Amino acid sequence: MVTLIIVLLVVWAVLAILGFAIKGLLWLAIIGLILFVITAIIGWLRRSGSKG
């Protein structure tokens, strides 16, 4: 599960970087950032939930 979250975070980060690098794809950067944040929050919640 942790591996999947790490892979998703990398993919979303790459999408965000590509979106900012290519001005016409600003929407891709926004979607990448949103998905990155959501995935990070889900991963953090699942990780902290399993420790307790």
PDB file of N, CA and C in Angstrom:
ATOM      1  N   MET A   1       0.824  -1.191   0.000  1.00  0.00           N
ATOM      2  CA  MET A   1       0.000   0.000   0.000  1.00  0.00           C
ATOM      3  C   MET A   1       0.867   1.253   0.000  1.00  0.00           C
ATOM      4  N   VAL A   2       1.932   1.235   0.772  1.00  0.00           N
ATOM      5  CA  VAL A   2       2.826   2.390   0.831  1.00  0.00           C
ATOM      6  C   VAL A   2       3.490   2.606  -0.524  1.00  0.00           C
ATOM      7  N   THR A   3       3.851   1.526  -1.188  1.00  0.00           N
ATOM      8  CA  THR A   3       4.479   1.635  -2.508  1.00  0.00           C
ATOM      9  C   THR A   3       3.528   2.282  -3.506  1.00  0.00           C
ATOM     10  N   LEU A   4       2.266   1.908  -3.463  1.00  0.00           N
ATOM     11  CA  LEU A   4       1.271   2.488  -4.364  1.00  0.00           C
ATOM     12  C   LEU A   4       1.133   3.986  -4.127  1.00  0.00           C
ATOM     13  N   ILE A   5       1.092   4.397  -2.890  1.00  0.00           N
ATOM     14  CA  ILE A   5       0.960   5.820  -2.572  1.00  0.00           C
ATOM     15  C   ILE A   5       2.189   6.586  -3.036  1.00  0.00           C
ATOM     16  N   ILE A   6       3.369   6.020  -2.850  1.00  0.00           N
ATOM     17  CA  ILE A   6       4.592   6.685  -3.303  1.00  0.00           C
ATOM     18  C   ILE A   6       4.600   6.823  -4.821  1.00  0.00           C
ATOM     19  N   VAL A   7       4.194   5.773  -5.519  1.00  0.00           N
ATOM     20  CA  VAL A   7       4.134   5.832  -6.988  1.00  0.00           C
ATOM     21  C   VAL A   7       3.142   6.899  -7.439  1.00  0.00           C
ATOM     22  N   LEU A   8       1.978   6.947  -6.814  1.00  0.00           N
ATOM     23  CA  LEU A   8       0.988   7.964  -7.169  1.00  0.00           C
ATOM     24  C   LEU A   8       1.512   9.371  -6.908  1.00  0.00           C
ATOM     25  N   LEU A   9       2.196   9.570  -5.787  1.00  0.00           N
ATOM     26  CA  LEU A   9       2.748  10.889  -5.483  1.00  0.00           C
ATOM     27  C   LEU A   9       3.762  11.313  -6.542  1.00  0.00           C
ATOM     28  N   VAL A  10       4.586  10.379  -6.986  1.00  0.00           N
ATOM     29  CA  VAL A  10       5.574  10.694  -8.028  1.00  0.00           C
ATOM     30  C   VAL A  10       4.873  11.052  -9.335  1.00  0.00           C
ATOM     31  N   VAL A  11       3.853  10.282  -9.701  1.00  0.00           N
ATOM     32  CA  VAL A  11       3.122  10.563 -10.944  1.00  0.00           C
ATOM     33  C   VAL A  11       2.465  11.934 -10.879  1.00  0.00           C
ATOM     34  N   TRP A  12       1.813  12.258  -9.774  1.00  0.00           N
ATOM     35  CA  TRP A  12       1.145  13.556  -9.650  1.00  0.00           C
ATOM     36  C   TRP A  12       2.165  14.688  -9.674  1.00  0.00           C
ATOM     37  N   ALA A  13       3.317  14.497  -9.057  1.00  0.00           N
ATOM     38  CA  ALA A  13       4.353  15.533  -9.073  1.00  0.00           C
ATOM     39  C   ALA A  13       4.867  15.768 -10.493  1.00  0.00           C
ATOM     40  N   VAL A  14       5.062  14.698 -11.250  1.00  0.00           N
ATOM     41  CA  VAL A  14       5.517  14.836 -12.639  1.00  0.00           C
ATOM     42  C   VAL A  14       4.470  15.570 -13.469  1.00  0.00           C
ATOM     43  N   LEU A  15       3.198  15.236 -13.287  1.00  0.00           N
ATOM     44  CA  LEU A  15       2.140  15.938 -14.014  1.00  0.00           C
ATOM     45  C   LEU A  15       2.126  17.424 -13.678  1.00  0.00           C
ATOM     46  N   ALA A  16       2.308  17.753 -12.410  1.00  0.00           N
ATOM     47  CA  ALA A  16       2.320  19.156 -12.008  1.00  0.00           C
ATOM     48  C   ALA A  16       3.505  19.891 -12.624  1.00  0.00           C
ATOM     49  N   ILE A  17       4.669  19.271 -12.618  1.00  0.00           N
ATOM     50  CA  ILE A  17       5.865  19.905 -13.191  1.00  0.00           C
ATOM     51  C   ILE A  17       5.690  20.112 -14.689  1.00  0.00           C
ATOM     52  N   LEU A  18       5.163  19.115 -15.387  1.00  0.00           N
ATOM     53  CA  LEU A  18       4.919  19.258 -16.827  1.00  0.00           C
ATOM     54  C   LEU A  18       3.913  20.369 -17.104  1.00  0.00           C
ATOM     55  N   GLY A  19       2.899  20.455 -16.286  1.00  0.00           N
ATOM     56  CA  GLY A  19       1.891  21.500 -16.463  1.00  0.00           C
ATOM     57  C   GLY A  19       2.463  22.891 -16.300  1.00  0.00           C
ATOM     58  N   PHE A  20       3.361  23.067 -15.340  1.00  0.00           N
ATOM     59  CA  PHE A  20       3.979  24.380 -15.146  1.00  0.00           C
ATOM     60  C   PHE A  20       5.026  24.664 -16.219  1.00  0.00           C
ATOM     61  N   ALA A  21       5.691  23.629 -16.726  1.00  0.00           N
ATOM     62  CA  ALA A  21       6.725  23.819 -17.741  1.00  0.00           C
ATOM     63  C   ALA A  21       6.121  24.216 -19.086  1.00  0.00           C
ATOM     64  N   ILE A  22       4.973  23.666 -19.400  1.00  0.00           N
ATOM     65  CA  ILE A  22       4.305  23.969 -20.666  1.00  0.00           C
ATOM     66  C   ILE A  22       3.110  24.864 -20.345  1.00  0.00           C
ATOM     67  N   LYS A  23       3.197  26.126 -20.727  1.00  0.00           N
ATOM     68  CA  LYS A  23       2.191  27.107 -20.323  1.00  0.00           C
ATOM     69  C   LYS A  23       0.777  26.722 -20.729  1.00  0.00           C
ATOM     70  N   GLY A  24       0.616  26.072 -21.864  1.00  0.00           N
ATOM     71  CA  GLY A  24      -0.713  25.684 -22.318  1.00  0.00           C
ATOM     72  C   GLY A  24      -1.344  24.594 -21.471  1.00  0.00           C
ATOM     73  N   LEU A  25      -0.544  23.940 -20.656  1.00  0.00           N
ATOM     74  CA  LEU A  25      -1.054  22.837 -19.842  1.00  0.00           C
ATOM     75  C   LEU A  25      -1.135  23.212 -18.364  1.00  0.00           C
ATOM     76  N   LEU A  26      -1.492  24.448 -18.096  1.00  0.00           N
ATOM     77  CA  LEU A  26      -1.614  24.893 -16.707  1.00  0.00           C
ATOM     78  C   LEU A  26      -2.676  24.080 -15.970  1.00  0.00           C
ATOM     79  N   TRP A  27      -3.717  23.682 -16.683  1.00  0.00           N
ATOM     80  CA  TRP A  27      -4.763  22.866 -16.067  1.00  0.00           C
ATOM     81  C   TRP A  27      -4.198  21.537 -15.578  1.00  0.00           C
ATOM     82  N   LEU A  28      -3.207  21.007 -16.307  1.00  0.00           N
ATOM     83  CA  LEU A  28      -2.580  19.752 -15.903  1.00  0.00           C
ATOM     84  C   LEU A  28      -1.813  19.936 -14.590  1.00  0.00           C
ATOM     85  N   ALA A  29      -1.173  21.082 -14.438  1.00  0.00           N
ATOM     86  CA  ALA A  29      -0.453  21.371 -13.199  1.00  0.00           C
ATOM     87  C   ALA A  29      -1.416  21.458 -12.022  1.00  0.00           C
ATOM     88  N   ILE A  30      -2.540  22.111 -12.235  1.00  0.00           N
ATOM     89  CA  ILE A  30      -3.520  22.257 -11.158  1.00  0.00           C
ATOM     90  C   ILE A  30      -4.075  20.894 -10.755  1.00  0.00           C
ATOM     91  N   ILE A  31      -4.428  20.079 -11.735  1.00  0.00           N
ATOM     92  CA  ILE A  31      -4.940  18.735 -11.433  1.00  0.00           C
ATOM     93  C   ILE A  31      -3.869  17.897 -10.738  1.00  0.00           C
ATOM     94  N   GLY A  32      -2.626  17.995 -11.214  1.00  0.00           N
ATOM     95  CA  GLY A  32      -1.534  17.252 -10.593  1.00  0.00           C
ATOM     96  C   GLY A  32      -1.323  17.641  -9.140  1.00  0.00           C
ATOM     97  N   LEU A  33      -1.372  18.941  -8.858  1.00  0.00           N
ATOM     98  CA  LEU A  33      -1.203  19.403  -7.476  1.00  0.00           C
ATOM     99  C   LEU A  33      -2.349  18.944  -6.583  1.00  0.00           C
ATOM    100  N   ILE A  34      -3.568  19.036  -7.090  1.00  0.00           N
ATOM    101  CA  ILE A  34      -4.724  18.601  -6.303  1.00  0.00           C
ATOM    102  C   ILE A  34      -4.636  17.108  -5.992  1.00  0.00           C
ATOM    103  N   LEU A  35      -4.327  16.304  -7.001  1.00  0.00           N
ATOM    104  CA  LEU A  35      -4.211  14.861  -6.781  1.00  0.00           C
ATOM    105  C   LEU A  35      -3.047  14.519  -5.858  1.00  0.00           C
ATOM    106  N   PHE A  36      -1.947  15.273  -5.952  1.00  0.00           N
ATOM    107  CA  PHE A  36      -0.803  15.057  -5.073  1.00  0.00           C
ATOM    108  C   PHE A  36      -1.206  15.283  -3.619  1.00  0.00           C
ATOM    109  N   VAL A  37      -1.885  16.387  -3.361  1.00  0.00           N
ATOM    110  CA  VAL A  37      -2.291  16.714  -1.990  1.00  0.00           C
ATOM    111  C   VAL A  37      -3.284  15.678  -1.459  1.00  0.00           C
ATOM    112  N   ILE A  38      -4.257  15.294  -2.273  1.00  0.00           N
ATOM    113  CA  ILE A  38      -5.245  14.308  -1.834  1.00  0.00           C
ATOM    114  C   ILE A  38      -4.581  12.968  -1.524  1.00  0.00           C
ATOM    115  N   THR A  39      -3.680  12.533  -2.394  1.00  0.00           N
ATOM    116  CA  THR A  39      -2.990  11.263  -2.170  1.00  0.00           C
ATOM    117  C   THR A  39      -2.115  11.319  -0.921  1.00  0.00           C
ATOM    118  N   ALA A  40      -1.440  12.435  -0.706  1.00  0.00           N
ATOM    119  CA  ALA A  40      -0.606  12.583   0.485  1.00  0.00           C
ATOM    120  C   ALA A  40      -1.452  12.538   1.758  1.00  0.00           C
ATOM    121  N   ILE A  41      -2.599  13.188   1.738  1.00  0.00           N
ATOM    122  CA  ILE A  41      -3.480  13.185   2.907  1.00  0.00           C
ATOM    123  C   ILE A  41      -4.002  11.777   3.182  1.00  0.00           C
ATOM    124  N   ILE A  42      -4.437  11.082   2.139  1.00  0.00           N
ATOM    125  CA  ILE A  42      -4.940   9.712   2.314  1.00  0.00           C
ATOM    126  C   ILE A  42      -3.841   8.804   2.857  1.00  0.00           C
ATOM    127  N   GLY A  43      -2.642   8.920   2.314  1.00  0.00           N
ATOM    128  CA  GLY A  43      -1.527   8.111   2.800  1.00  0.00           C
ATOM    129  C   GLY A  43      -1.188   8.408   4.243  1.00  0.00           C
ATOM    130  N   TRP A  44      -1.213   9.679   4.614  1.00  0.00           N
ATOM    131  CA  TRP A  44      -0.903  10.067   5.986  1.00  0.00           C
ATOM    132  C   TRP A  44      -1.969   9.550   6.947  1.00  0.00           C
ATOM    133  N   LEU A  45      -3.238   9.657   6.548  1.00  0.00           N
ATOM    134  CA  LEU A  45      -4.320   9.183   7.410  1.00  0.00           C
ATOM    135  C   LEU A  45      -4.267   7.669   7.596  1.00  0.00           C
ATOM    136  N   ARG A  46      -4.003   6.935   6.533  1.00  0.00           N
ATOM    137  CA  ARG A  46      -3.926   5.471   6.645  1.00  0.00           C
ATOM    138  C   ARG A  46      -2.722   5.043   7.462  1.00  0.00           C
ATOM    139  N   ARG A  47      -1.626   5.761   7.305  1.00  0.00           N
ATOM    140  CA  ARG A  47      -0.421   5.408   8.061  1.00  0.00           C
ATOM    141  C   ARG A  47      -0.609   5.703   9.545  1.00  0.00           C
ATOM    142  N   SER A  48      -1.175   6.867   9.880  1.00  0.00           N
ATOM    143  CA  SER A  48      -1.373   7.207  11.284  1.00  0.00           C
ATOM    144  C   SER A  48      -2.476   6.352  11.899  1.00  0.00           C
ATOM    145  N   GLY A  49      -3.441   5.925  11.106  1.00  0.00           N
ATOM    146  CA  GLY A  49      -4.510   5.064  11.606  1.00  0.00           C
ATOM    147  C   GLY A  49      -4.031   3.666  11.930  1.00  0.00           C
ATOM    148  N   SER A  50      -3.053   3.169  11.187  1.00  0.00           N
ATOM    149  CA  SER A  50      -2.568   1.811  11.427  1.00  0.00           C
ATOM    150  C   SER A  50      -1.618   1.744  12.618  1.00  0.00           C
ATOM    151  N   LYS A  51      -1.031   2.863  13.011  1.00  0.00           N
ATOM    152  CA  LYS A  51      -0.122   2.864  14.163  1.00  0.00           C
ATOM    153  C   LYS A  51      -0.890   2.815  15.477  1.00  0.00           C
ATOM    154  N   GLY A  52      -2.060   3.445  15.510  1.00  0.00           N
ATOM    155  CA  GLY A  52      -2.817   3.594  16.738  1.00  0.00           C
ATOM    156  C   GLY A  52      -3.451   2.344  17.191  1.00  0.00           C
TER     157      GLY A  52
END
